[in-house]
Amino acid sequence: SDLWALGCIIYQMITGQPPFQSSSEYLIFKKIQKLDYTFQEGFNEEAKDLIRRLLVIEPRERLGARDIECYKSIRTFRIREEER
């Protein structure tokens, strides 16, 4: 599974926009390389944490990448209901 894409999808599901935006594909690529994305004011802190743990340049460092049991860290990650 693509953990990076999961982070992008979650971000876009919450905001309606992709995390990396610019006027050209080249500039988007540069933003990705620098992890240049922002969260809107009021963005749920736990959702930010989940996205930050997935949008990591090194694939082995992404949340779930080193789990022995099939992505257990992702499956057990919870966002408190009252903050959604």
PDB file of N, CA and C in Angstrom:
ATOM      1  N   SER A   1       0.840  -1.184   0.000  1.00  0.00           N
ATOM      2  CA  SER A   1       0.000   0.000   0.000  1.00  0.00           C
ATOM      3  C   SER A   1       0.878   1.237   0.000  1.00  0.00           C
ATOM      4  N   ASP A   2       0.351   2.322  -0.460  1.00  0.00           N
ATOM      5  CA  ASP A   2       1.113   3.554  -0.577  1.00  0.00           C
ATOM      6  C   ASP A   2       0.756   4.491   0.581  1.00  0.00           C
ATOM      7  N   LEU A   3       1.596   4.501   1.587  1.00  0.00           N
ATOM      8  CA  LEU A   3       1.336   5.282   2.790  1.00  0.00           C
ATOM      9  C   LEU A   3       1.390   6.784   2.529  1.00  0.00           C
ATOM     10  N   TRP A   4       2.274   7.204   1.628  1.00  0.00           N
ATOM     11  CA  TRP A   4       2.356   8.621   1.255  1.00  0.00           C
ATOM     12  C   TRP A   4       1.020   9.067   0.651  1.00  0.00           C
ATOM     13  N   ALA A   5       0.511   8.287  -0.288  1.00  0.00           N
ATOM     14  CA  ALA A   5      -0.763   8.622  -0.937  1.00  0.00           C
ATOM     15  C   ALA A   5      -1.892   8.668   0.091  1.00  0.00           C
ATOM     16  N   LEU A   6      -1.853   7.769   1.065  1.00  0.00           N
ATOM     17  CA  LEU A   6      -2.864   7.783   2.117  1.00  0.00           C
ATOM     18  C   LEU A   6      -2.852   9.122   2.852  1.00  0.00           C
ATOM     19  N   GLY A   7      -1.680   9.634   3.172  1.00  0.00           N
ATOM     20  CA  GLY A   7      -1.566  10.936   3.821  1.00  0.00           C
ATOM     21  C   GLY A   7      -2.146  12.047   2.956  1.00  0.00           C
ATOM     22  N   CYS A   8      -1.854  12.009   1.659  1.00  0.00           N
ATOM     23  CA  CYS A   8      -2.393  13.011   0.731  1.00  0.00           C
ATOM     24  C   CYS A   8      -3.907  12.909   0.637  1.00  0.00           C
ATOM     25  N   ILE A   9      -4.415  11.691   0.587  1.00  0.00           N
ATOM     26  CA  ILE A   9      -5.863  11.489   0.476  1.00  0.00           C
ATOM     27  C   ILE A   9      -6.577  11.993   1.723  1.00  0.00           C
ATOM     28  N   ILE A  10      -6.037  11.682   2.885  1.00  0.00           N
ATOM     29  CA  ILE A  10      -6.659  12.148   4.135  1.00  0.00           C
ATOM     30  C   ILE A  10      -6.674  13.675   4.171  1.00  0.00           C
ATOM     31  N   TYR A  11      -5.541  14.282   3.814  1.00  0.00           N
ATOM     32  CA  TYR A  11      -5.462  15.746   3.785  1.00  0.00           C
ATOM     33  C   TYR A  11      -6.534  16.304   2.857  1.00  0.00           C
ATOM     34  N   GLN A  12      -6.647  15.732   1.664  1.00  0.00           N
ATOM     35  CA  GLN A  12      -7.602  16.238   0.686  1.00  0.00           C
ATOM     36  C   GLN A  12      -9.049  15.968   1.098  1.00  0.00           C
ATOM     37  N   MET A  13      -9.289  14.873   1.773  1.00  0.00           N
ATOM     38  CA  MET A  13     -10.649  14.592   2.254  1.00  0.00           C
ATOM     39  C   MET A  13     -11.088  15.643   3.273  1.00  0.00           C
ATOM     40  N   ILE A  14     -10.147  16.103   4.086  1.00  0.00           N
ATOM     41  CA  ILE A  14     -10.473  17.082   5.125  1.00  0.00           C
ATOM     42  C   ILE A  14     -10.589  18.495   4.546  1.00  0.00           C
ATOM     43  N   THR A  15      -9.679  18.859   3.637  1.00  0.00           N
ATOM     44  CA  THR A  15      -9.622  20.236   3.149  1.00  0.00           C
ATOM     45  C   THR A  15     -10.297  20.464   1.801  1.00  0.00           C
ATOM     46  N   GLY A  16     -10.424  19.398   1.017  1.00  0.00           N
ATOM     47  CA  GLY A  16     -10.928  19.550  -0.342  1.00  0.00           C
ATOM     48  C   GLY A  16      -9.853  19.955  -1.335  1.00  0.00           C
ATOM     49  N   GLN A  17      -8.617  20.064  -0.864  1.00  0.00           N
ATOM     50  CA  GLN A  17      -7.481  20.460  -1.700  1.00  0.00           C
ATOM     51  C   GLN A  17      -6.313  19.518  -1.456  1.00  0.00           C
ATOM     52  N   PRO A  18      -5.450  19.287  -2.458  1.00  0.00           N
ATOM     53  CA  PRO A  18      -4.255  18.474  -2.224  1.00  0.00           C
ATOM     54  C   PRO A  18      -3.271  19.233  -1.322  1.00  0.00           C
ATOM     55  N   PRO A  19      -2.429  18.519  -0.604  1.00  0.00           N
ATOM     56  CA  PRO A  19      -1.490  19.191   0.305  1.00  0.00           C
ATOM     57  C   PRO A  19      -0.420  20.011  -0.419  1.00  0.00           C
ATOM     58  N   PHE A  20      -0.038  19.585  -1.600  1.00  0.00           N
ATOM     59  CA  PHE A  20       1.020  20.274  -2.347  1.00  0.00           C
ATOM     60  C   PHE A  20       0.391  20.916  -3.576  1.00  0.00           C
ATOM     61  N   GLN A  21       0.444  22.238  -3.631  1.00  0.00           N
ATOM     62  CA  GLN A  21      -0.171  22.981  -4.732  1.00  0.00           C
ATOM     63  C   GLN A  21       0.795  24.030  -5.262  1.00  0.00           C
ATOM     64  N   SER A  22       0.785  24.197  -6.570  1.00  0.00           N
ATOM     65  CA  SER A  22       1.558  25.259  -7.202  1.00  0.00           C
ATOM     66  C   SER A  22       1.095  25.407  -8.638  1.00  0.00           C
ATOM     67  N   SER A  23       1.739  26.295  -9.378  1.00  0.00           N
ATOM     68  CA  SER A  23       1.317  26.612 -10.737  1.00  0.00           C
ATOM     69  C   SER A  23       1.831  25.644 -11.792  1.00  0.00           C
ATOM     70  N   SER A  24       2.774  24.758 -11.417  1.00  0.00           N
ATOM     71  CA  SER A  24       3.290  23.787 -12.389  1.00  0.00           C
ATOM     72  C   SER A  24       3.660  22.491 -11.677  1.00  0.00           C
ATOM     73  N   GLU A  25       3.747  21.426 -12.448  1.00  0.00           N
ATOM     74  CA  GLU A  25       4.138  20.137 -11.872  1.00  0.00           C
ATOM     75  C   GLU A  25       5.539  20.210 -11.277  1.00  0.00           C
ATOM     76  N   TYR A  26       6.437  20.943 -11.921  1.00  0.00           N
ATOM     77  CA  TYR A  26       7.803  21.083 -11.417  1.00  0.00           C
ATOM     78  C   TYR A  26       7.796  21.729 -10.027  1.00  0.00           C
ATOM     79  N   LEU A  27       7.031  22.805  -9.872  1.00  0.00           N
ATOM     80  CA  LEU A  27       6.974  23.495  -8.582  1.00  0.00           C
ATOM     81  C   LEU A  27       6.288  22.641  -7.519  1.00  0.00           C
ATOM     82  N   ILE A  28       5.304  21.857  -7.913  1.00  0.00           N
ATOM     83  CA  ILE A  28       4.687  20.917  -6.975  1.00  0.00           C
ATOM     84  C   ILE A  28       5.730  19.901  -6.516  1.00  0.00           C
ATOM     85  N   PHE A  29       6.509  19.373  -7.446  1.00  0.00           N
ATOM     86  CA  PHE A  29       7.563  18.422  -7.111  1.00  0.00           C
ATOM     87  C   PHE A  29       8.553  19.035  -6.125  1.00  0.00           C
ATOM     88  N   LYS A  30       8.933  20.293  -6.338  1.00  0.00           N
ATOM     89  CA  LYS A  30       9.866  20.962  -5.424  1.00  0.00           C
ATOM     90  C   LYS A  30       9.249  21.094  -4.024  1.00  0.00           C
ATOM     91  N   LYS A  31       7.954  21.405  -3.962  1.00  0.00           N
ATOM     92  CA  LYS A  31       7.284  21.499  -2.666  1.00  0.00           C
ATOM     93  C   LYS A  31       7.264  20.145  -1.963  1.00  0.00           C
ATOM     94  N   ILE A  32       7.035  19.091  -2.723  1.00  0.00           N
ATOM     95  CA  ILE A  32       7.044  17.742  -2.151  1.00  0.00           C
ATOM     96  C   ILE A  32       8.421  17.438  -1.576  1.00  0.00           C
ATOM     97  N   GLN A  33       9.469  17.749  -2.316  1.00  0.00           N
ATOM     98  CA  GLN A  33      10.831  17.490  -1.847  1.00  0.00           C
ATOM     99  C   GLN A  33      11.131  18.210  -0.536  1.00  0.00           C
ATOM    100  N   LYS A  34      10.564  19.406  -0.356  1.00  0.00           N
ATOM    101  CA  LYS A  34      10.799  20.201   0.853  1.00  0.00           C
ATOM    102  C   LYS A  34       9.725  19.980   1.916  1.00  0.00           C
ATOM    103  N   LEU A  35       8.752  19.112   1.632  1.00  0.00           N
ATOM    104  CA  LEU A  35       7.598  18.918   2.518  1.00  0.00           C
ATOM    105  C   LEU A  35       6.949  20.269   2.830  1.00  0.00           C
ATOM    106  N   ASP A  36       6.754  21.061   1.798  1.00  0.00           N
ATOM    107  CA  ASP A  36       6.208  22.406   1.916  1.00  0.00           C
ATOM    108  C   ASP A  36       4.692  22.367   1.753  1.00  0.00           C
ATOM    109  N   TYR A  37       4.004  22.120   2.868  1.00  0.00           N
ATOM    110  CA  TYR A  37       2.547  22.152   2.887  1.00  0.00           C
ATOM    111  C   TYR A  37       2.122  22.751   4.216  1.00  0.00           C
ATOM    112  N   THR A  38       0.893  23.245   4.273  1.00  0.00           N
ATOM    113  CA  THR A  38       0.409  23.880   5.494  1.00  0.00           C
ATOM    114  C   THR A  38      -0.961  23.325   5.857  1.00  0.00           C
ATOM    115  N   PHE A  39      -1.341  23.581   7.078  1.00  0.00           N
ATOM    116  CA  PHE A  39      -2.661  23.208   7.559  1.00  0.00           C
ATOM    117  C   PHE A  39      -3.461  24.480   7.797  1.00  0.00           C
ATOM    118  N   GLN A  40      -4.726  24.427   7.439  1.00  0.00           N
ATOM    119  CA  GLN A  40      -5.615  25.559   7.677  1.00  0.00           C
ATOM    120  C   GLN A  40      -5.813  25.763   9.175  1.00  0.00           C
ATOM    121  N   GLU A  41      -6.136  26.985   9.548  1.00  0.00           N
ATOM    122  CA  GLU A  41      -6.444  27.277  10.941  1.00  0.00           C
ATOM    123  C   GLU A  41      -7.618  26.403  11.383  1.00  0.00           C
ATOM    124  N   GLY A  42      -7.512  25.847  12.565  1.00  0.00           N
ATOM    125  CA  GLY A  42      -8.565  25.005  13.099  1.00  0.00           C
ATOM    126  C   GLY A  42      -8.481  23.549  12.682  1.00  0.00           C
ATOM    127  N   PHE A  43      -7.454  23.187  11.928  1.00  0.00           N
ATOM    128  CA  PHE A  43      -7.271  21.801  11.495  1.00  0.00           C
ATOM    129  C   PHE A  43      -7.073  20.933  12.738  1.00  0.00           C
ATOM    130  N   ASN A  44      -7.784  19.848  12.817  1.00  0.00           N
ATOM    131  CA  ASN A  44      -7.708  18.935  13.962  1.00  0.00           C
ATOM    132  C   ASN A  44      -6.257  18.516  14.214  1.00  0.00           C
ATOM    133  N   GLU A  45      -5.794  18.667  15.458  1.00  0.00           N
ATOM    134  CA  GLU A  45      -4.400  18.379  15.807  1.00  0.00           C
ATOM    135  C   GLU A  45      -4.038  16.907  15.604  1.00  0.00           C
ATOM    136  N   GLU A  46      -4.943  16.011  15.921  1.00  0.00           N
ATOM    137  CA  GLU A  46      -4.646  14.587  15.746  1.00  0.00           C
ATOM    138  C   GLU A  46      -4.621  14.210  14.275  1.00  0.00           C
ATOM    139  N   ALA A  47      -5.453  14.839  13.468  1.00  0.00           N
ATOM    140  CA  ALA A  47      -5.406  14.606  12.023  1.00  0.00           C
ATOM    141  C   ALA A  47      -4.089  15.130  11.458  1.00  0.00           C
ATOM    142  N   LYS A  48      -3.630  16.287  11.952  1.00  0.00           N
ATOM    143  CA  LYS A  48      -2.328  16.818  11.549  1.00  0.00           C
ATOM    144  C   LYS A  48      -1.233  15.809  11.864  1.00  0.00           C
ATOM    145  N   ASP A  49      -1.287  15.261  13.063  1.00  0.00           N
ATOM    146  CA  ASP A  49      -0.281  14.296  13.497  1.00  0.00           C
ATOM    147  C   ASP A  49      -0.269  13.076  12.568  1.00  0.00           C
ATOM    148  N   LEU A  50      -1.439  12.558  12.247  1.00  0.00           N
ATOM    149  CA  LEU A  50      -1.528  11.413  11.354  1.00  0.00           C
ATOM    150  C   LEU A  50      -0.948  11.747   9.989  1.00  0.00           C
ATOM    151  N   ILE A  51      -1.323  12.869   9.432  1.00  0.00           N
ATOM    152  CA  ILE A  51      -0.833  13.272   8.111  1.00  0.00           C
ATOM    153  C   ILE A  51       0.677  13.484   8.142  1.00  0.00           C
ATOM    154  N   ARG A  52       1.171  14.164   9.163  1.00  0.00           N
ATOM    155  CA  ARG A  52       2.628  14.384   9.269  1.00  0.00           C
ATOM    156  C   ARG A  52       3.395  13.065   9.363  1.00  0.00           C
ATOM    157  N   ARG A  53       2.813  12.074  10.007  1.00  0.00           N
ATOM    158  CA  ARG A  53       3.479  10.772  10.138  1.00  0.00           C
ATOM    159  C   ARG A  53       3.446   9.977   8.840  1.00  0.00           C
ATOM    160  N   LEU A  54       2.534  10.318   7.942  1.00  0.00           N
ATOM    161  CA  LEU A  54       2.450   9.639   6.649  1.00  0.00           C
ATOM    162  C   LEU A  54       3.221  10.393   5.563  1.00  0.00           C
ATOM    163  N   LEU A  55       3.228  11.708   5.615  1.00  0.00           N
ATOM    164  CA  LEU A  55       3.947  12.501   4.610  1.00  0.00           C
ATOM    165  C   LEU A  55       5.394  12.697   5.050  1.00  0.00           C
ATOM    166  N   VAL A  56       6.133  11.613   4.993  1.00  0.00           N
ATOM    167  CA  VAL A  56       7.547  11.570   5.374  1.00  0.00           C
ATOM    168  C   VAL A  56       8.317  11.132   4.132  1.00  0.00           C
ATOM    169  N   ILE A  57       9.377  11.848   3.808  1.00  0.00           N
ATOM    170  CA  ILE A  57      10.139  11.558   2.590  1.00  0.00           C
ATOM    171  C   ILE A  57      10.656  10.118   2.561  1.00  0.00           C
ATOM    172  N   GLU A  58      11.265   9.678   3.634  1.00  0.00           N
ATOM    173  CA  GLU A  58      11.841   8.321   3.683  1.00  0.00           C
ATOM    174  C   GLU A  58      10.716   7.303   3.901  1.00  0.00           C
ATOM    175  N   PRO A  59      10.441   6.446   2.911  1.00  0.00           N
ATOM    176  CA  PRO A  59       9.330   5.491   3.011  1.00  0.00           C
ATOM    177  C   PRO A  59       9.363   4.611   4.253  1.00  0.00           C
ATOM    178  N   ARG A  60      10.521   4.193   4.699  1.00  0.00           N
ATOM    179  CA  ARG A  60      10.620   3.310   5.871  1.00  0.00           C
ATOM    180  C   ARG A  60      10.276   4.013   7.167  1.00  0.00           C
ATOM    181  N   GLU A  61      10.230   5.338   7.148  1.00  0.00           N
ATOM    182  CA  GLU A  61       9.940   6.106   8.359  1.00  0.00           C
ATOM    183  C   GLU A  61       8.464   6.484   8.471  1.00  0.00           C
ATOM    184  N   ARG A  62       7.670   6.185   7.481  1.00  0.00           N
ATOM    185  CA  ARG A  62       6.246   6.524   7.511  1.00  0.00           C
ATOM    186  C   ARG A  62       5.496   5.643   8.493  1.00  0.00           C
ATOM    187  N   LEU A  63       4.463   6.216   9.090  1.00  0.00           N
ATOM    188  CA  LEU A  63       3.626   5.469  10.015  1.00  0.00           C
ATOM    189  C   LEU A  63       3.145   4.188   9.343  1.00  0.00           C
ATOM    190  N   GLY A  64       3.356   3.074  10.006  1.00  0.00           N
ATOM    191  CA  GLY A  64       2.898   1.793   9.484  1.00  0.00           C
ATOM    192  C   GLY A  64       3.930   1.027   8.685  1.00  0.00           C
ATOM    193  N   ALA A  65       4.968   1.708   8.215  1.00  0.00           N
ATOM    194  CA  ALA A  65       5.945   1.056   7.335  1.00  0.00           C
ATOM    195  C   ALA A  65       6.739  -0.040   8.037  1.00  0.00           C
ATOM    196  N   ARG A  66       6.960   0.101   9.314  1.00  0.00           N
ATOM    197  CA  ARG A  66       7.771  -0.882  10.038  1.00  0.00           C
ATOM    198  C   ARG A  66       6.947  -1.813  10.920  1.00  0.00           C
ATOM    199  N   ASP A  67       5.642  -1.725  10.809  1.00  0.00           N
ATOM    200  CA  ASP A  67       4.779  -2.577  11.626  1.00  0.00           C
ATOM    201  C   ASP A  67       4.968  -4.041  11.259  1.00  0.00           C
ATOM    202  N   ILE A  68       5.107  -4.870  12.258  1.00  0.00           N
ATOM    203  CA  ILE A  68       5.197  -6.315  12.032  1.00  0.00           C
ATOM    204  C   ILE A  68       3.820  -6.857  11.683  1.00  0.00           C
ATOM    205  N   GLU A  69       2.817  -6.376  12.409  1.00  0.00           N
ATOM    206  CA  GLU A  69       1.439  -6.786  12.145  1.00  0.00           C
ATOM    207  C   GLU A  69       0.809  -5.781  11.189  1.00  0.00           C
ATOM    208  N   CYS A  70       0.429  -6.199  10.054  1.00  0.00           N
ATOM    209  CA  CYS A  70      -0.145  -5.439   8.942  1.00  0.00           C
ATOM    210  C   CYS A  70      -0.721  -4.059   9.306  1.00  0.00           C
ATOM    211  N   TYR A  71       0.119  -3.025   9.311  1.00  0.00           N
ATOM    212  CA  TYR A  71      -0.273  -1.632   9.536  1.00  0.00           C
ATOM    213  C   TYR A  71      -1.053  -1.405  10.827  1.00  0.00           C
ATOM    214  N   LYS A  72      -0.668  -2.106  11.862  1.00  0.00           N
ATOM    215  CA  LYS A  72      -1.379  -1.982  13.135  1.00  0.00           C
ATOM    216  C   LYS A  72      -1.366  -0.549  13.656  1.00  0.00           C
ATOM    217  N   SER A  73      -0.255   0.169  13.493  1.00  0.00           N
ATOM    218  CA  SER A  73      -0.177   1.539  14.011  1.00  0.00           C
ATOM    219  C   SER A  73      -1.185   2.456  13.323  1.00  0.00           C
ATOM    220  N   ILE A  74      -1.497   2.192  12.073  1.00  0.00           N
ATOM    221  CA  ILE A  74      -2.500   2.991  11.371  1.00  0.00           C
ATOM    222  C   ILE A  74      -3.903   2.560  11.788  1.00  0.00           C
ATOM    223  N   ARG A  75      -4.120   1.273  11.862  1.00  0.00           N
ATOM    224  CA  ARG A  75      -5.443   0.761  12.214  1.00  0.00           C
ATOM    225  C   ARG A  75      -5.847   1.145  13.632  1.00  0.00           C
ATOM    226  N   THR A  76      -4.885   1.355  14.525  1.00  0.00           N
ATOM    227  CA  THR A  76      -5.200   1.699  15.909  1.00  0.00           C
ATOM    228  C   THR A  76      -5.126   3.200  16.177  1.00  0.00           C
ATOM    229  N   PHE A  77      -4.705   3.990  15.183  1.00  0.00           N
ATOM    230  CA  PHE A  77      -4.633   5.442  15.337  1.00  0.00           C
ATOM    231  C   PHE A  77      -6.055   5.978  15.425  1.00  0.00           C
ATOM    232  N   ARG A  78      -6.349   6.762  16.416  1.00  0.00           N
ATOM    233  CA  ARG A  78      -7.697   7.280  16.621  1.00  0.00           C
ATOM    234  C   ARG A  78      -7.689   8.800  16.699  1.00  0.00           C
ATOM    235  N   ILE A  79      -8.687   9.391  16.074  1.00  0.00           N
ATOM    236  CA  ILE A  79      -8.941  10.813  16.230  1.00  0.00           C
ATOM    237  C   ILE A  79     -10.162  10.899  17.131  1.00  0.00           C
ATOM    238  N   ARG A  80     -10.029  11.656  18.198  1.00  0.00           N
ATOM    239  CA  ARG A  80     -11.141  11.766  19.139  1.00  0.00           C
ATOM    240  C   ARG A  80     -12.390  12.286  18.447  1.00  0.00           C
ATOM    241  N   GLU A  81     -13.477  11.633  18.685  1.00  0.00           N
ATOM    242  CA  GLU A  81     -14.755  11.957  18.043  1.00  0.00           C
ATOM    243  C   GLU A  81     -15.173  13.409  18.224  1.00  0.00           C
ATOM    244  N   GLU A  82     -14.964  13.966  19.404  1.00  0.00           N
ATOM    245  CA  GLU A  82     -15.428  15.328  19.670  1.00  0.00           C
ATOM    246  C   GLU A  82     -14.647  16.374  18.894  1.00  0.00           C
ATOM    247  N   GLU A  83     -13.493  16.026  18.316  1.00  0.00           N
ATOM    248  CA  GLU A  83     -12.689  17.007  17.588  1.00  0.00           C
ATOM    249  C   GLU A  83     -12.839  16.889  16.083  1.00  0.00           C
ATOM    250  N   ARG A  84     -13.634  15.984  15.584  1.00  0.00           N
ATOM    251  CA  ARG A  84     -13.781  15.814  14.134  1.00  0.00           C
ATOM    252  C   ARG A  84     -14.539  16.964  13.537  1.00  0.00           C
TER     253      ARG A  84
END
